[in-house]
């Protein structure tokens, strides 16, 4: 069975905020001596995610 994929659409400001939050979480986990590799994988996925332009229509 395949894993379910989830797509998130966000603007550049939200993407930057997400990256800063993930790096801060990673630093906290390192200070606590806990496992942080999964957060590192998420950072890698966000940085390498394709950027897709979407036209938004206001109703």
PDB file of N, CA and C in Angstrom:
ATOM      1  N   UNK A   1       0.839  -1.185   0.000  1.00  0.00           N
ATOM      2  CA  UNK A   1       0.000   0.000   0.000  1.00  0.00           C
ATOM      3  C   UNK A   1       0.880   1.242   0.000  1.00  0.00           C
ATOM      4  N   UNK A   2       0.538   2.199  -0.833  1.00  0.00           N
ATOM      5  CA  UNK A   2       1.319   3.434  -0.925  1.00  0.00           C
ATOM      6  C   UNK A   2       1.008   4.384   0.224  1.00  0.00           C
ATOM      7  N   UNK A   3       1.994   5.218   0.520  1.00  0.00           N
ATOM      8  CA  UNK A   3       1.772   6.241   1.530  1.00  0.00           C
ATOM      9  C   UNK A   3       0.908   7.345   0.935  1.00  0.00           C
ATOM     10  N   UNK A   4       0.081   7.940   1.760  1.00  0.00           N
ATOM     11  CA  UNK A   4      -0.775   9.021   1.314  1.00  0.00           C
ATOM     12  C   UNK A   4       0.047  10.305   1.229  1.00  0.00           C
ATOM     13  N   UNK A   5      -0.026  10.988   0.095  1.00  0.00           N
ATOM     14  CA  UNK A   5       0.701  12.243  -0.077  1.00  0.00           C
ATOM     15  C   UNK A   5      -0.214  13.408   0.257  1.00  0.00           C
ATOM     16  N   UNK A   6       0.345  14.399   0.895  1.00  0.00           N
ATOM     17  CA  UNK A   6      -0.388  15.611   1.231  1.00  0.00           C
ATOM     18  C   UNK A   6       0.315  16.787   0.587  1.00  0.00           C
ATOM     19  N   UNK A   7      -0.441  17.629  -0.092  1.00  0.00           N
ATOM     20  CA  UNK A   7       0.110  18.813  -0.735  1.00  0.00           C
ATOM     21  C   UNK A   7      -0.282  20.047   0.063  1.00  0.00           C
ATOM     22  N   UNK A   8       0.691  20.897   0.294  1.00  0.00           N
ATOM     23  CA  UNK A   8       0.450  22.131   1.030  1.00  0.00           C
ATOM     24  C   UNK A   8       0.815  23.295   0.118  1.00  0.00           C
ATOM     25  N   UNK A   9      -0.111  24.217  -0.035  1.00  0.00           N
ATOM     26  CA  UNK A   9       0.143  25.405  -0.838  1.00  0.00           C
ATOM     27  C   UNK A   9       0.349  26.583   0.104  1.00  0.00           C
ATOM     28  N   UNK A  10       1.502  27.243  -0.030  1.00  0.00           N
ATOM     29  CA  UNK A  10       1.806  28.382   0.831  1.00  0.00           C
ATOM     30  C   UNK A  10       2.608  29.414   0.052  1.00  0.00           C
ATOM     31  N   UNK A  11       2.551  30.639   0.529  1.00  0.00           N
ATOM     32  CA  UNK A  11       3.326  31.691  -0.130  1.00  0.00           C
ATOM     33  C   UNK A  11       4.740  31.715   0.445  1.00  0.00           C
ATOM     34  N   UNK A  12       5.571  32.580  -0.090  1.00  0.00           N
ATOM     35  CA  UNK A  12       6.981  32.601   0.311  1.00  0.00           C
ATOM     36  C   UNK A  12       7.161  32.978   1.778  1.00  0.00           C
ATOM     37  N   UNK A  13       6.297  33.843   2.284  1.00  0.00           N
ATOM     38  CA  UNK A  13       6.396  34.254   3.678  1.00  0.00           C
ATOM     39  C   UNK A  13       6.062  33.082   4.615  1.00  0.00           C
ATOM     40  N   UNK A  14       5.037  32.314   4.280  1.00  0.00           N
ATOM     41  CA  UNK A  14       4.674  31.151   5.090  1.00  0.00           C
ATOM     42  C   UNK A  14       5.759  30.083   5.019  1.00  0.00           C
ATOM     43  N   UNK A  15       6.352  29.923   3.843  1.00  0.00           N
ATOM     44  CA  UNK A  15       7.431  28.942   3.670  1.00  0.00           C
ATOM     45  C   UNK A  15       8.641  29.304   4.531  1.00  0.00           C
ATOM     46  N   UNK A  16       8.984  30.591   4.545  1.00  0.00           N
ATOM     47  CA  UNK A  16      10.095  31.061   5.373  1.00  0.00           C
ATOM     48  C   UNK A  16       9.813  30.829   6.851  1.00  0.00           C
ATOM     49  N   UNK A  17       8.598  31.124   7.277  1.00  0.00           N
ATOM     50  CA  UNK A  17       8.216  30.920   8.672  1.00  0.00           C
ATOM     51  C   UNK A  17       8.291  29.438   9.044  1.00  0.00           C
ATOM     52  N   UNK A  18       7.839  28.571   8.144  1.00  0.00           N
ATOM     53  CA  UNK A  18       7.912  27.133   8.380  1.00  0.00           C
ATOM     54  C   UNK A  18       9.355  26.664   8.532  1.00  0.00           C
ATOM     55  N   UNK A  19      10.241  27.133   7.650  1.00  0.00           N
ATOM     56  CA  UNK A  19      11.654  26.741   7.726  1.00  0.00           C
ATOM     57  C   UNK A  19      12.300  27.209   9.023  1.00  0.00           C
ATOM     58  N   UNK A  20      12.026  28.455   9.427  1.00  0.00           N
ATOM     59  CA  UNK A  20      12.585  28.970  10.682  1.00  0.00           C
ATOM     60  C   UNK A  20      12.082  28.155  11.878  1.00  0.00           C
ATOM     61  N   UNK A  21      10.809  27.792  11.845  1.00  0.00           N
ATOM     62  CA  UNK A  21      10.244  27.004  12.946  1.00  0.00           C
ATOM     63  C   UNK A  21      10.870  25.616  13.016  1.00  0.00           C
ATOM     64  N   UNK A  22      11.078  24.987  11.859  1.00  0.00           N
ATOM     65  CA  UNK A  22      11.692  23.663  11.846  1.00  0.00           C
ATOM     66  C   UNK A  22      13.137  23.698  12.323  1.00  0.00           C
ATOM     67  N   UNK A  23      13.873  24.729  11.939  1.00  0.00           N
ATOM     68  CA  UNK A  23      15.266  24.853  12.392  1.00  0.00           C
ATOM     69  C   UNK A  23      15.307  25.094  13.898  1.00  0.00           C
ATOM     70  N   UNK A  24      14.375  25.898  14.405  1.00  0.00           N
ATOM     71  CA  UNK A  24      14.317  26.142  15.849  1.00  0.00           C
ATOM     72  C   UNK A  24      13.979  24.856  16.604  1.00  0.00           C
ATOM     73  N   UNK A  25      13.040  24.069  16.074  1.00  0.00           N
ATOM     74  CA  UNK A  25      12.697  22.786  16.693  1.00  0.00           C
ATOM     75  C   UNK A  25      13.889  21.844  16.680  1.00  0.00           C
ATOM     76  N   UNK A  26      14.612  21.811  15.573  1.00  0.00           N
ATOM     77  CA  UNK A  26      15.803  20.958  15.474  1.00  0.00           C
ATOM     78  C   UNK A  26      16.835  21.352  16.529  1.00  0.00           C
ATOM     79  N   UNK A  27      17.063  22.648  16.693  1.00  0.00           N
ATOM     80  CA  UNK A  27      18.036  23.122  17.683  1.00  0.00           C
ATOM     81  C   UNK A  27      17.604  22.753  19.102  1.00  0.00           C
ATOM     82  N   UNK A  28      16.314  22.843  19.386  1.00  0.00           N
ATOM     83  CA  UNK A  28      15.815  22.459  20.714  1.00  0.00           C
ATOM     84  C   UNK A  28      16.018  20.970  20.969  1.00  0.00           C
ATOM     85  N   UNK A  29      15.748  20.160  19.961  1.00  0.00           N
ATOM     86  CA  UNK A  29      15.924  18.715  20.122  1.00  0.00           C
ATOM     87  C   UNK A  29      17.391  18.348  20.319  1.00  0.00           C
ATOM     88  N   UNK A  30      18.291  19.040  19.614  1.00  0.00           N
ATOM     89  CA  UNK A  30      19.727  18.793  19.783  1.00  0.00           C
ATOM     90  C   UNK A  30      20.156  19.147  21.204  1.00  0.00           C
ATOM     91  N   UNK A  31      19.665  20.278  21.728  1.00  0.00           N
ATOM     92  CA  UNK A  31      20.023  20.690  23.085  1.00  0.00           C
ATOM     93  C   UNK A  31      19.521  19.695  24.121  1.00  0.00           C
ATOM     94  N   UNK A  32      18.361  19.078  23.854  1.00  0.00           N
ATOM     95  CA  UNK A  32      17.794  18.106  24.786  1.00  0.00           C
ATOM     96  C   UNK A  32      18.411  16.725  24.624  1.00  0.00           C
ATOM     97  N   UNK A  33      19.219  16.561  23.574  1.00  0.00           N
ATOM     98  CA  UNK A  33      19.849  15.276  23.336  1.00  0.00           C
ATOM     99  C   UNK A  33      18.902  14.246  22.757  1.00  0.00           C
ATOM    100  N   UNK A  34      17.865  14.708  22.099  1.00  0.00           N
ATOM    101  CA  UNK A  34      16.869  13.807  21.525  1.00  0.00           C
ATOM    102  C   UNK A  34      17.120  13.604  20.034  1.00  0.00           C
ATOM    103  N   UNK A  35      16.404  12.664  19.448  1.00  0.00           N
ATOM    104  CA  UNK A  35      16.521  12.301  18.041  1.00  0.00           C
ATOM    105  C   UNK A  35      15.957  13.427  17.182  1.00  0.00           C
ATOM    106  N   UNK A  36      16.738  13.925  16.198  1.00  0.00           N
ATOM    107  CA  UNK A  36      16.309  15.074  15.396  1.00  0.00           C
ATOM    108  C   UNK A  36      16.392  14.836  13.889  1.00  0.00           C
ATOM    109  N   UNK A  37      16.718  13.626  13.475  1.00  0.00           N
ATOM    110  CA  UNK A  37      16.876  13.337  12.048  1.00  0.00           C
ATOM    111  C   UNK A  37      15.579  13.503  11.260  1.00  0.00           C
ATOM    112  N   UNK A  38      14.432  13.212  11.865  1.00  0.00           N
ATOM    113  CA  UNK A  38      13.161  13.347  11.153  1.00  0.00           C
ATOM    114  C   UNK A  38      12.876  14.817  10.826  1.00  0.00           C
ATOM    115  N   UNK A  39      13.252  15.733  11.725  1.00  0.00           N
ATOM    116  CA  UNK A  39      13.067  17.158  11.461  1.00  0.00           C
ATOM    117  C   UNK A  39      14.004  17.598  10.335  1.00  0.00           C
ATOM    118  N   UNK A  40      15.199  17.034  10.309  1.00  0.00           N
ATOM    119  CA  UNK A  40      16.156  17.330   9.251  1.00  0.00           C
ATOM    120  C   UNK A  40      15.606  16.908   7.882  1.00  0.00           C
ATOM    121  N   UNK A  41      14.929  15.768   7.831  1.00  0.00           N
ATOM    122  CA  UNK A  41      14.321  15.304   6.588  1.00  0.00           C
ATOM    123  C   UNK A  41      13.215  16.249   6.128  1.00  0.00           C
ATOM    124  N   UNK A  42      12.420  16.752   7.069  1.00  0.00           N
ATOM    125  CA  UNK A  42      11.362  17.707   6.724  1.00  0.00           C
ATOM    126  C   UNK A  42      11.935  19.002   6.169  1.00  0.00           C
ATOM    127  N   UNK A  43      13.009  19.486   6.774  1.00  0.00           N
ATOM    128  CA  UNK A  43      13.661  20.697   6.278  1.00  0.00           C
ATOM    129  C   UNK A  43      14.138  20.479   4.855  1.00  0.00           C
ATOM    130  N   UNK A  44      14.738  19.328   4.611  1.00  0.00           N
ATOM    131  CA  UNK A  44      15.228  19.000   3.272  1.00  0.00           C
ATOM    132  C   UNK A  44      14.080  18.961   2.263  1.00  0.00           C
ATOM    133  N   UNK A  45      12.932  18.383   2.650  1.00  0.00           N
ATOM    134  CA  UNK A  45      11.785  18.310   1.749  1.00  0.00           C
ATOM    135  C   UNK A  45      11.208  19.687   1.445  1.00  0.00           C
ATOM    136  N   UNK A  46      11.141  20.545   2.449  1.00  0.00           N
ATOM    137  CA  UNK A  46      10.586  21.889   2.239  1.00  0.00           C
ATOM    138  C   UNK A  46      11.502  22.706   1.337  1.00  0.00           C
ATOM    139  N   UNK A  47      12.800  22.616   1.557  1.00  0.00           N
ATOM    140  CA  UNK A  47      13.753  23.389   0.756  1.00  0.00           C
ATOM    141  C   UNK A  47      13.732  22.935  -0.701  1.00  0.00           C
ATOM    142  N   UNK A  48      13.612  21.638  -0.935  1.00  0.00           N
ATOM    143  CA  UNK A  48      13.673  21.100  -2.294  1.00  0.00           C
ATOM    144  C   UNK A  48      12.311  20.926  -2.955  1.00  0.00           C
ATOM    145  N   UNK A  49      11.247  21.386  -2.311  1.00  0.00           N
ATOM    146  CA  UNK A  49       9.911  21.251  -2.888  1.00  0.00           C
ATOM    147  C   UNK A  49       9.778  22.161  -4.102  1.00  0.00           C
ATOM    148  N   UNK A  50       9.114  21.677  -5.140  1.00  0.00           N
ATOM    149  CA  UNK A  50       8.934  22.508  -6.334  1.00  0.00           C
ATOM    150  C   UNK A  50       8.006  23.688  -6.035  1.00  0.00           C
ATOM    151  N   UNK A  51       8.294  24.791  -6.670  1.00  0.00           N
ATOM    152  CA  UNK A  51       7.475  25.982  -6.509  1.00  0.00           C
ATOM    153  C   UNK A  51       6.503  26.040  -7.683  1.00  0.00           C
ATOM    154  N   UNK A  52       5.239  26.093  -7.370  1.00  0.00           N
ATOM    155  CA  UNK A  52       4.207  26.083  -8.389  1.00  0.00           C
ATOM    156  C   UNK A  52       3.379  27.355  -8.261  1.00  0.00           C
ATOM    157  N   UNK A  53       3.243  28.078  -9.358  1.00  0.00           N
ATOM    158  CA  UNK A  53       2.438  29.295  -9.331  1.00  0.00           C
ATOM    159  C   UNK A  53       0.972  28.919  -9.512  1.00  0.00           C
ATOM    160  N   UNK A  54       0.149  29.419  -8.605  1.00  0.00           N
ATOM    161  CA  UNK A  54      -1.269  29.125  -8.627  1.00  0.00           C
ATOM    162  C   UNK A  54      -2.015  30.444  -8.705  1.00  0.00           C
ATOM    163  N   UNK A  55      -2.964  30.523  -9.610  1.00  0.00           N
ATOM    164  CA  UNK A  55      -3.767  31.735  -9.750  1.00  0.00           C
ATOM    165  C   UNK A  55      -4.937  31.637  -8.788  1.00  0.00           C
ATOM    166  N   UNK A  56      -5.090  32.661  -7.960  1.00  0.00           N
ATOM    167  CA  UNK A  56      -6.161  32.680  -6.969  1.00  0.00           C
ATOM    168  C   UNK A  56      -7.186  33.722  -7.385  1.00  0.00           C
ATOM    169  N   UNK A  57      -8.416  33.293  -7.471  1.00  0.00           N
ATOM    170  CA  UNK A  57      -9.498  34.208  -7.829  1.00  0.00           C
ATOM    171  C   UNK A  57     -10.303  34.521  -6.580  1.00  0.00           C
ATOM    172  N   UNK A  58     -10.510  35.792  -6.310  1.00  0.00           N
ATOM    173  CA  UNK A  58     -11.315  36.218  -5.175  1.00  0.00           C
ATOM    174  C   UNK A  58     -12.754  36.362  -5.636  1.00  0.00           C
ATOM    175  N   UNK A  59     -13.643  35.806  -4.864  1.00  0.00           N
ATOM    176  CA  UNK A  59     -15.069  35.839  -5.246  1.00  0.00           C
ATOM    177  C   UNK A  59     -15.782  36.882  -4.430  1.00  0.00           C
TER     178      UNK A  59
END
